[in-house]
């Protein structure tokens, strides 16, 4: 009788890491990982990956790819907060663009660089907080 060889099982954490590495996206919604396992397993895996520094939490159910900071080694997002905010808006189906000050800078109408990450959300209603550390995305109607 031939022995049955067992394949090593891939853990939910390994599936989450593989999904992050395969993805071109810098932002992940919690629900994007739901099909990888049951809710508790996925939550635990995402928390472990976040604790390892591969992801950083930027809001409720929002995570961004991270890298170690050059200053203190703590995880920081790989892209600026404005890019993270715009990608989150795209993923949740809100048509958004940079704020009017950043738009003026892009079009050469101003030399002033906006200090705050401002996103123009048009007539949409958004109450989602997106932040890294003490910096938070500000919404502008327009």
N, C-alpha and C. Protein backbone atom coordinates (compact mmCIF):
# COMPACT_ATOMS: atom_id res chain seq x y z
N UNK A 1 0.84 -1.17 0.00
CA UNK A 1 0.00 0.00 0.00
C UNK A 1 0.89 1.24 0.00
N UNK A 2 0.64 2.15 -0.92
CA UNK A 2 1.45 3.35 -1.05
C UNK A 2 1.11 4.33 0.07
N UNK A 3 2.18 4.98 0.57
CA UNK A 3 1.96 5.97 1.62
C UNK A 3 1.35 7.23 1.04
N UNK A 4 0.47 7.81 1.77
CA UNK A 4 -0.19 9.04 1.34
C UNK A 4 0.70 10.23 1.73
N UNK A 5 1.12 10.98 0.74
CA UNK A 5 1.94 12.15 1.05
C UNK A 5 1.01 13.35 1.22
N UNK A 6 1.28 14.11 2.24
CA UNK A 6 0.44 15.28 2.51
C UNK A 6 1.17 16.54 2.07
N UNK A 7 0.45 17.38 1.43
CA UNK A 7 1.00 18.66 1.00
C UNK A 7 0.95 19.61 2.20
N UNK A 8 1.97 20.40 2.37
CA UNK A 8 1.92 21.36 3.47
C UNK A 8 0.79 22.37 3.23
N UNK A 9 0.02 22.65 4.26
CA UNK A 9 -1.10 23.58 4.15
C UNK A 9 -0.58 25.02 4.18
N UNK A 10 -1.13 25.82 3.31
CA UNK A 10 -0.77 27.23 3.28
C UNK A 10 -1.64 27.95 4.31
N UNK A 11 -1.01 28.68 5.20
CA UNK A 11 -1.76 29.37 6.25
C UNK A 11 -2.45 30.61 5.68
N UNK A 12 -3.42 31.11 6.40
CA UNK A 12 -4.14 32.31 5.99
C UNK A 12 -3.16 33.49 5.96
N UNK A 13 -2.25 33.54 6.91
CA UNK A 13 -1.25 34.61 6.94
C UNK A 13 -0.40 34.59 5.66
N UNK A 14 0.01 33.40 5.22
CA UNK A 14 0.80 33.28 3.99
C UNK A 14 -0.02 33.72 2.78
N UNK A 15 -1.32 33.42 2.79
CA UNK A 15 -2.20 33.85 1.69
C UNK A 15 -2.31 35.37 1.66
N UNK A 16 -2.44 35.98 2.84
CA UNK A 16 -2.53 37.44 2.92
C UNK A 16 -1.24 38.07 2.40
N UNK A 17 -0.10 37.55 2.83
CA UNK A 17 1.20 38.07 2.38
C UNK A 17 1.34 37.92 0.87
N UNK A 18 0.94 36.77 0.33
CA UNK A 18 1.02 36.54 -1.11
C UNK A 18 0.14 37.54 -1.87
N UNK A 19 -1.05 37.81 -1.35
CA UNK A 19 -1.96 38.76 -2.00
C UNK A 19 -1.35 40.16 -2.00
N UNK A 20 -0.74 40.55 -0.89
CA UNK A 20 -0.11 41.87 -0.80
C UNK A 20 1.04 41.97 -1.80
N UNK A 21 1.87 40.93 -1.86
CA UNK A 21 3.03 40.95 -2.76
C UNK A 21 2.63 40.95 -4.23
N UNK A 22 1.54 40.25 -4.56
CA UNK A 22 1.07 40.18 -5.96
C UNK A 22 0.42 41.46 -6.43
N UNK A 23 -0.15 42.19 -5.52
CA UNK A 23 -0.98 43.34 -5.87
C UNK A 23 -0.15 44.57 -6.25
N UNK A 24 -0.63 45.29 -7.27
CA UNK A 24 -0.02 46.58 -7.63
C UNK A 24 -0.57 47.71 -6.78
N UNK A 25 -1.64 47.43 -6.07
CA UNK A 25 -2.30 48.43 -5.24
C UNK A 25 -1.46 48.73 -4.00
N UNK A 26 -1.56 49.96 -3.50
CA UNK A 26 -0.86 50.30 -2.25
C UNK A 26 -1.81 50.29 -1.07
N UNK A 27 -3.11 50.25 -1.35
CA UNK A 27 -4.13 50.28 -0.29
C UNK A 27 -4.98 49.03 -0.36
N UNK A 28 -5.33 48.51 0.83
CA UNK A 28 -6.18 47.33 0.90
C UNK A 28 -7.32 47.59 1.86
N UNK A 29 -8.52 47.25 1.43
CA UNK A 29 -9.68 47.27 2.31
C UNK A 29 -9.72 45.92 3.01
N UNK A 30 -10.20 45.86 4.22
CA UNK A 30 -10.27 44.62 4.99
C UNK A 30 -11.06 43.56 4.24
N UNK A 31 -12.12 43.97 3.55
CA UNK A 31 -12.98 43.02 2.87
C UNK A 31 -12.31 42.36 1.67
N UNK A 32 -11.20 42.92 1.18
CA UNK A 32 -10.47 42.30 0.07
C UNK A 32 -9.85 40.96 0.46
N UNK A 33 -9.63 40.76 1.74
CA UNK A 33 -9.00 39.53 2.22
C UNK A 33 -10.03 38.49 2.65
N UNK A 34 -11.32 38.82 2.63
CA UNK A 34 -12.36 37.94 3.17
C UNK A 34 -12.38 36.55 2.54
N UNK A 35 -12.09 36.43 1.27
CA UNK A 35 -12.19 35.13 0.61
C UNK A 35 -11.02 34.20 0.95
N UNK A 36 -10.05 34.68 1.70
CA UNK A 36 -8.86 33.88 2.03
C UNK A 36 -9.08 32.96 3.23
N UNK A 37 -10.16 33.14 3.97
CA UNK A 37 -10.43 32.31 5.13
C UNK A 37 -11.64 32.86 5.87
N UNK A 38 -11.90 32.31 7.05
CA UNK A 38 -13.04 32.86 7.78
C UNK A 38 -12.63 34.18 8.46
N UNK A 39 -13.63 34.92 8.92
CA UNK A 39 -13.42 36.29 9.37
C UNK A 39 -12.35 36.40 10.45
N UNK A 40 -12.41 35.54 11.46
CA UNK A 40 -11.46 35.63 12.58
C UNK A 40 -10.04 35.29 12.13
N UNK A 41 -9.91 34.25 11.30
CA UNK A 41 -8.58 33.88 10.82
C UNK A 41 -7.95 35.01 10.01
N UNK A 42 -8.75 35.59 9.14
CA UNK A 42 -8.24 36.67 8.29
C UNK A 42 -7.89 37.89 9.15
N UNK A 43 -8.74 38.21 10.12
CA UNK A 43 -8.44 39.35 11.00
C UNK A 43 -7.14 39.13 11.75
N UNK A 44 -6.96 37.94 12.28
CA UNK A 44 -5.73 37.62 13.00
C UNK A 44 -4.52 37.72 12.07
N UNK A 45 -4.64 37.19 10.87
CA UNK A 45 -3.54 37.22 9.91
C UNK A 45 -3.19 38.65 9.51
N UNK A 46 -4.21 39.47 9.24
CA UNK A 46 -3.96 40.87 8.86
C UNK A 46 -3.31 41.62 10.02
N UNK A 47 -3.75 41.35 11.25
CA UNK A 47 -3.13 41.99 12.42
C UNK A 47 -1.67 41.57 12.57
N UNK A 48 -1.37 40.28 12.33
CA UNK A 48 0.01 39.81 12.42
C UNK A 48 0.89 40.45 11.34
N UNK A 49 0.36 40.55 10.12
CA UNK A 49 1.11 41.16 9.03
C UNK A 49 1.34 42.65 9.33
N UNK A 50 0.35 43.31 9.91
CA UNK A 50 0.49 44.71 10.30
C UNK A 50 1.54 44.85 11.40
N UNK A 51 1.52 43.94 12.38
CA UNK A 51 2.51 43.98 13.46
C UNK A 51 3.92 43.73 12.94
N UNK A 52 4.04 42.95 11.88
CA UNK A 52 5.37 42.66 11.32
C UNK A 52 5.93 43.84 10.54
N UNK A 53 5.08 44.82 10.21
CA UNK A 53 5.55 46.02 9.52
C UNK A 53 5.36 45.99 8.01
N UNK A 54 4.68 44.98 7.49
CA UNK A 54 4.45 44.91 6.06
C UNK A 54 3.28 45.80 5.64
N UNK A 55 2.34 46.00 6.56
CA UNK A 55 1.21 46.89 6.35
C UNK A 55 1.16 47.90 7.49
N UNK A 56 0.51 49.02 7.23
CA UNK A 56 0.25 49.99 8.28
C UNK A 56 -1.23 50.34 8.20
N UNK A 57 -1.87 50.44 9.36
CA UNK A 57 -3.30 50.75 9.40
C UNK A 57 -3.48 52.25 9.19
N UNK A 58 -4.35 52.61 8.23
CA UNK A 58 -4.57 54.02 7.93
C UNK A 58 -6.00 54.45 8.19
N UNK A 59 -6.85 53.52 8.63
CA UNK A 59 -8.23 53.84 8.93
C UNK A 59 -8.96 52.58 9.32
N UNK A 60 -10.25 52.71 9.58
CA UNK A 60 -11.06 51.56 9.98
C UNK A 60 -11.20 50.62 8.79
N UNK A 61 -10.56 49.46 8.87
CA UNK A 61 -10.59 48.50 7.77
C UNK A 61 -9.75 48.90 6.58
N UNK A 62 -8.82 49.83 6.77
CA UNK A 62 -7.95 50.31 5.69
C UNK A 62 -6.50 50.06 6.05
N UNK A 63 -5.76 49.50 5.12
CA UNK A 63 -4.35 49.22 5.32
C UNK A 63 -3.57 49.66 4.10
N UNK A 64 -2.33 50.09 4.31
CA UNK A 64 -1.46 50.50 3.21
C UNK A 64 -0.15 49.73 3.31
N UNK A 65 0.45 49.46 2.15
CA UNK A 65 1.75 48.80 2.14
C UNK A 65 2.74 49.69 2.87
N UNK A 66 3.66 49.07 3.60
CA UNK A 66 4.59 49.85 4.43
C UNK A 66 6.03 49.41 4.20
N UNK A 67 6.93 50.27 4.65
CA UNK A 67 8.37 50.00 4.65
C UNK A 67 8.92 50.59 5.95
N UNK A 68 10.10 50.16 6.38
CA UNK A 68 10.66 50.75 7.60
C UNK A 68 11.08 52.21 7.38
N UNK A 69 10.83 53.04 8.36
CA UNK A 69 11.22 54.45 8.30
C UNK A 69 12.74 54.56 8.36
N UNK A 70 13.29 55.53 7.63
CA UNK A 70 14.74 55.74 7.68
C UNK A 70 15.16 56.42 8.97
N UNK A 71 14.19 57.05 9.67
CA UNK A 71 14.52 57.75 10.90
C UNK A 71 14.55 56.83 12.12
N UNK A 72 13.44 56.08 12.32
CA UNK A 72 13.36 55.27 13.53
C UNK A 72 13.07 53.79 13.28
N UNK A 73 12.94 53.40 12.02
CA UNK A 73 12.71 52.00 11.71
C UNK A 73 11.27 51.53 11.84
N UNK A 74 10.38 52.41 12.31
CA UNK A 74 8.96 52.05 12.43
C UNK A 74 8.33 52.03 11.04
N UNK A 75 7.28 51.21 10.85
CA UNK A 75 6.67 51.15 9.52
C UNK A 75 5.98 52.44 9.12
N UNK A 76 6.20 52.86 7.88
CA UNK A 76 5.54 54.02 7.30
C UNK A 76 5.02 53.61 5.92
N UNK A 77 3.95 54.25 5.44
CA UNK A 77 3.43 53.90 4.11
C UNK A 77 4.46 54.16 3.02
N UNK A 78 4.38 53.35 1.94
CA UNK A 78 5.34 53.51 0.86
C UNK A 78 5.02 54.69 -0.05
N UNK A 79 3.80 55.22 0.05
CA UNK A 79 3.38 56.38 -0.76
C UNK A 79 2.87 57.47 0.16
N UNK A 80 2.83 58.72 -0.33
CA UNK A 80 2.30 59.82 0.49
C UNK A 80 0.81 59.64 0.82
N UNK A 81 0.38 60.30 1.87
CA UNK A 81 -0.99 60.19 2.36
C UNK A 81 -2.02 60.61 1.31
N UNK A 82 -1.70 61.58 0.49
CA UNK A 82 -2.65 62.03 -0.55
C UNK A 82 -2.90 60.90 -1.55
N UNK A 83 -1.86 60.16 -1.93
CA UNK A 83 -2.02 59.03 -2.87
C UNK A 83 -2.86 57.93 -2.24
N UNK A 84 -2.63 57.68 -0.95
CA UNK A 84 -3.41 56.67 -0.24
C UNK A 84 -4.88 57.07 -0.22
N UNK A 85 -5.15 58.34 0.11
CA UNK A 85 -6.52 58.83 0.15
C UNK A 85 -7.22 58.72 -1.19
N UNK A 86 -6.52 59.07 -2.27
CA UNK A 86 -7.12 58.98 -3.60
C UNK A 86 -7.42 57.54 -3.98
N UNK A 87 -6.52 56.62 -3.63
CA UNK A 87 -6.76 55.21 -3.95
C UNK A 87 -7.91 54.64 -3.13
N UNK A 88 -8.02 55.05 -1.86
CA UNK A 88 -9.15 54.60 -1.03
C UNK A 88 -10.45 55.09 -1.66
N UNK A 89 -10.51 56.35 -2.05
CA UNK A 89 -11.73 56.89 -2.66
C UNK A 89 -12.09 56.10 -3.92
N UNK A 90 -11.09 55.78 -4.73
CA UNK A 90 -11.34 54.98 -5.94
C UNK A 90 -11.92 53.62 -5.58
N UNK A 91 -11.35 52.98 -4.55
CA UNK A 91 -11.81 51.64 -4.16
C UNK A 91 -13.20 51.63 -3.57
N UNK A 92 -13.59 52.71 -2.90
CA UNK A 92 -14.95 52.72 -2.31
C UNK A 92 -15.96 53.36 -3.27
N UNK A 93 -15.51 53.71 -4.47
CA UNK A 93 -16.43 54.19 -5.49
C UNK A 93 -16.76 55.66 -5.45
N UNK A 94 -15.89 56.47 -4.86
CA UNK A 94 -16.11 57.92 -4.81
C UNK A 94 -15.17 58.57 -5.82
N UNK A 95 -15.74 59.38 -6.69
CA UNK A 95 -14.93 60.08 -7.68
C UNK A 95 -14.23 61.24 -6.95
N UNK A 96 -12.89 61.17 -6.92
CA UNK A 96 -12.13 62.17 -6.16
C UNK A 96 -10.91 62.63 -6.94
N UNK A 97 -10.40 63.78 -6.56
CA UNK A 97 -9.20 64.34 -7.16
C UNK A 97 -8.47 65.13 -6.08
N UNK A 98 -7.28 65.60 -6.39
CA UNK A 98 -6.55 66.42 -5.43
C UNK A 98 -7.31 67.73 -5.21
N UNK A 99 -7.03 68.40 -4.12
CA UNK A 99 -7.71 69.65 -3.80
C UNK A 99 -7.34 70.77 -4.74
N UNK A 100 -8.06 71.90 -4.63
CA UNK A 100 -7.86 73.01 -5.57
C UNK A 100 -6.47 73.62 -5.47
N UNK A 101 -5.87 73.63 -4.27
CA UNK A 101 -4.53 74.20 -4.12
C UNK A 101 -3.49 73.33 -4.82
N UNK A 102 -3.60 72.01 -4.66
CA UNK A 102 -2.67 71.10 -5.33
C UNK A 102 -2.88 71.14 -6.84
N UNK A 103 -4.14 71.29 -7.27
CA UNK A 103 -4.45 71.38 -8.70
C UNK A 103 -3.83 72.64 -9.29
N UNK A 104 -3.89 73.75 -8.56
CA UNK A 104 -3.28 75.00 -9.03
C UNK A 104 -1.76 74.83 -9.16
N UNK A 105 -1.16 74.13 -8.22
CA UNK A 105 0.28 73.86 -8.28
C UNK A 105 0.61 73.00 -9.50
N UNK A 106 -0.17 71.97 -9.76
CA UNK A 106 0.06 71.09 -10.91
C UNK A 106 -0.07 71.85 -12.23
N UNK A 107 -1.01 72.78 -12.30
CA UNK A 107 -1.26 73.53 -13.53
C UNK A 107 -0.34 74.75 -13.68
N UNK A 108 0.55 74.96 -12.72
CA UNK A 108 1.48 76.08 -12.80
C UNK A 108 0.88 77.42 -12.44
N UNK A 109 -0.29 77.43 -11.80
CA UNK A 109 -0.94 78.68 -11.43
C UNK A 109 -0.52 79.16 -10.05
N UNK A 110 0.24 78.34 -9.34
CA UNK A 110 0.67 78.69 -7.98
C UNK A 110 2.03 78.06 -7.72
N UNK A 111 2.78 78.68 -6.83
CA UNK A 111 4.06 78.12 -6.41
C UNK A 111 3.99 77.55 -5.01
N UNK A 112 2.84 77.71 -4.36
CA UNK A 112 2.70 77.27 -2.98
C UNK A 112 2.32 75.80 -2.92
N UNK A 113 3.07 75.07 -2.11
CA UNK A 113 2.80 73.65 -1.92
C UNK A 113 1.84 73.50 -0.74
N UNK A 114 0.69 72.84 -0.95
CA UNK A 114 -0.26 72.69 0.16
C UNK A 114 0.34 71.84 1.29
N UNK A 115 0.12 72.26 2.52
CA UNK A 115 0.66 71.54 3.68
C UNK A 115 -0.19 70.33 4.04
N UNK A 116 -1.49 70.43 3.81
CA UNK A 116 -2.40 69.34 4.17
C UNK A 116 -2.72 68.47 2.97
N UNK A 117 -2.89 67.17 3.18
CA UNK A 117 -3.35 66.32 2.09
C UNK A 117 -4.86 66.52 1.90
N UNK A 118 -5.22 67.35 0.92
CA UNK A 118 -6.62 67.70 0.68
C UNK A 118 -7.12 66.98 -0.56
N UNK A 119 -8.29 66.34 -0.42
CA UNK A 119 -8.90 65.62 -1.52
C UNK A 119 -10.25 66.24 -1.82
N UNK A 120 -10.49 66.55 -3.09
CA UNK A 120 -11.76 67.09 -3.53
C UNK A 120 -12.68 65.90 -3.83
N UNK A 121 -13.79 65.80 -3.11
CA UNK A 121 -14.71 64.67 -3.27
C UNK A 121 -15.98 65.05 -4.01
N UNK A 122 -15.98 66.22 -4.63
CA UNK A 122 -17.16 66.66 -5.39
C UNK A 122 -18.36 66.81 -4.48
N UNK A 123 -19.49 66.21 -4.88
CA UNK A 123 -20.71 66.30 -4.09
C UNK A 123 -20.93 65.06 -3.24
N UNK A 124 -19.95 64.17 -3.19
CA UNK A 124 -20.09 62.93 -2.41
C UNK A 124 -20.04 63.23 -0.92
N UNK A 125 -20.64 62.32 -0.15
CA UNK A 125 -20.57 62.41 1.31
C UNK A 125 -19.63 61.33 1.80
N UNK A 126 -18.54 61.75 2.41
CA UNK A 126 -17.55 60.81 2.93
C UNK A 126 -17.26 61.18 4.38
N UNK A 127 -17.34 60.20 5.26
CA UNK A 127 -17.01 60.46 6.66
C UNK A 127 -15.84 59.59 7.12
N UNK A 128 -15.25 58.85 6.20
CA UNK A 128 -14.16 57.93 6.53
C UNK A 128 -12.90 58.71 6.87
N UNK A 129 -12.30 58.38 8.01
CA UNK A 129 -11.06 59.02 8.42
C UNK A 129 -9.88 58.21 7.87
N UNK A 130 -8.98 58.91 7.20
CA UNK A 130 -7.77 58.29 6.66
C UNK A 130 -6.61 59.06 7.27
N UNK A 131 -5.78 58.36 8.04
CA UNK A 131 -4.69 59.07 8.70
C UNK A 131 -3.49 58.15 8.89
N UNK A 132 -2.33 58.80 8.99
CA UNK A 132 -1.09 58.12 9.34
C UNK A 132 -0.44 58.98 10.42
N UNK A 133 -0.28 58.40 11.59
CA UNK A 133 0.24 59.18 12.71
C UNK A 133 -0.72 60.30 13.04
N UNK A 134 -0.22 61.53 13.05
CA UNK A 134 -1.06 62.68 13.36
C UNK A 134 -1.59 63.37 12.11
N UNK A 135 -1.12 62.95 10.93
CA UNK A 135 -1.59 63.55 9.67
C UNK A 135 -2.86 62.86 9.21
N UNK A 136 -3.84 63.67 8.79
CA UNK A 136 -5.13 63.14 8.38
C UNK A 136 -5.55 63.79 7.06
N UNK A 137 -6.19 63.01 6.20
CA UNK A 137 -6.71 63.52 4.94
C UNK A 137 -7.88 64.45 5.23
N UNK A 138 -7.88 65.59 4.53
CA UNK A 138 -8.95 66.58 4.67
C UNK A 138 -9.78 66.53 3.39
N UNK A 139 -11.11 66.59 3.54
CA UNK A 139 -12.01 66.53 2.38
C UNK A 139 -12.47 67.91 2.01
N UNK A 140 -12.57 68.14 0.71
CA UNK A 140 -12.99 69.44 0.17
C UNK A 140 -14.14 69.18 -0.79
N UNK A 141 -15.22 69.91 -0.62
CA UNK A 141 -16.36 69.80 -1.54
C UNK A 141 -16.08 70.67 -2.75
N UNK A 142 -16.61 70.27 -3.87
CA UNK A 142 -16.38 71.14 -5.00
C UNK A 142 -16.88 70.60 -6.24
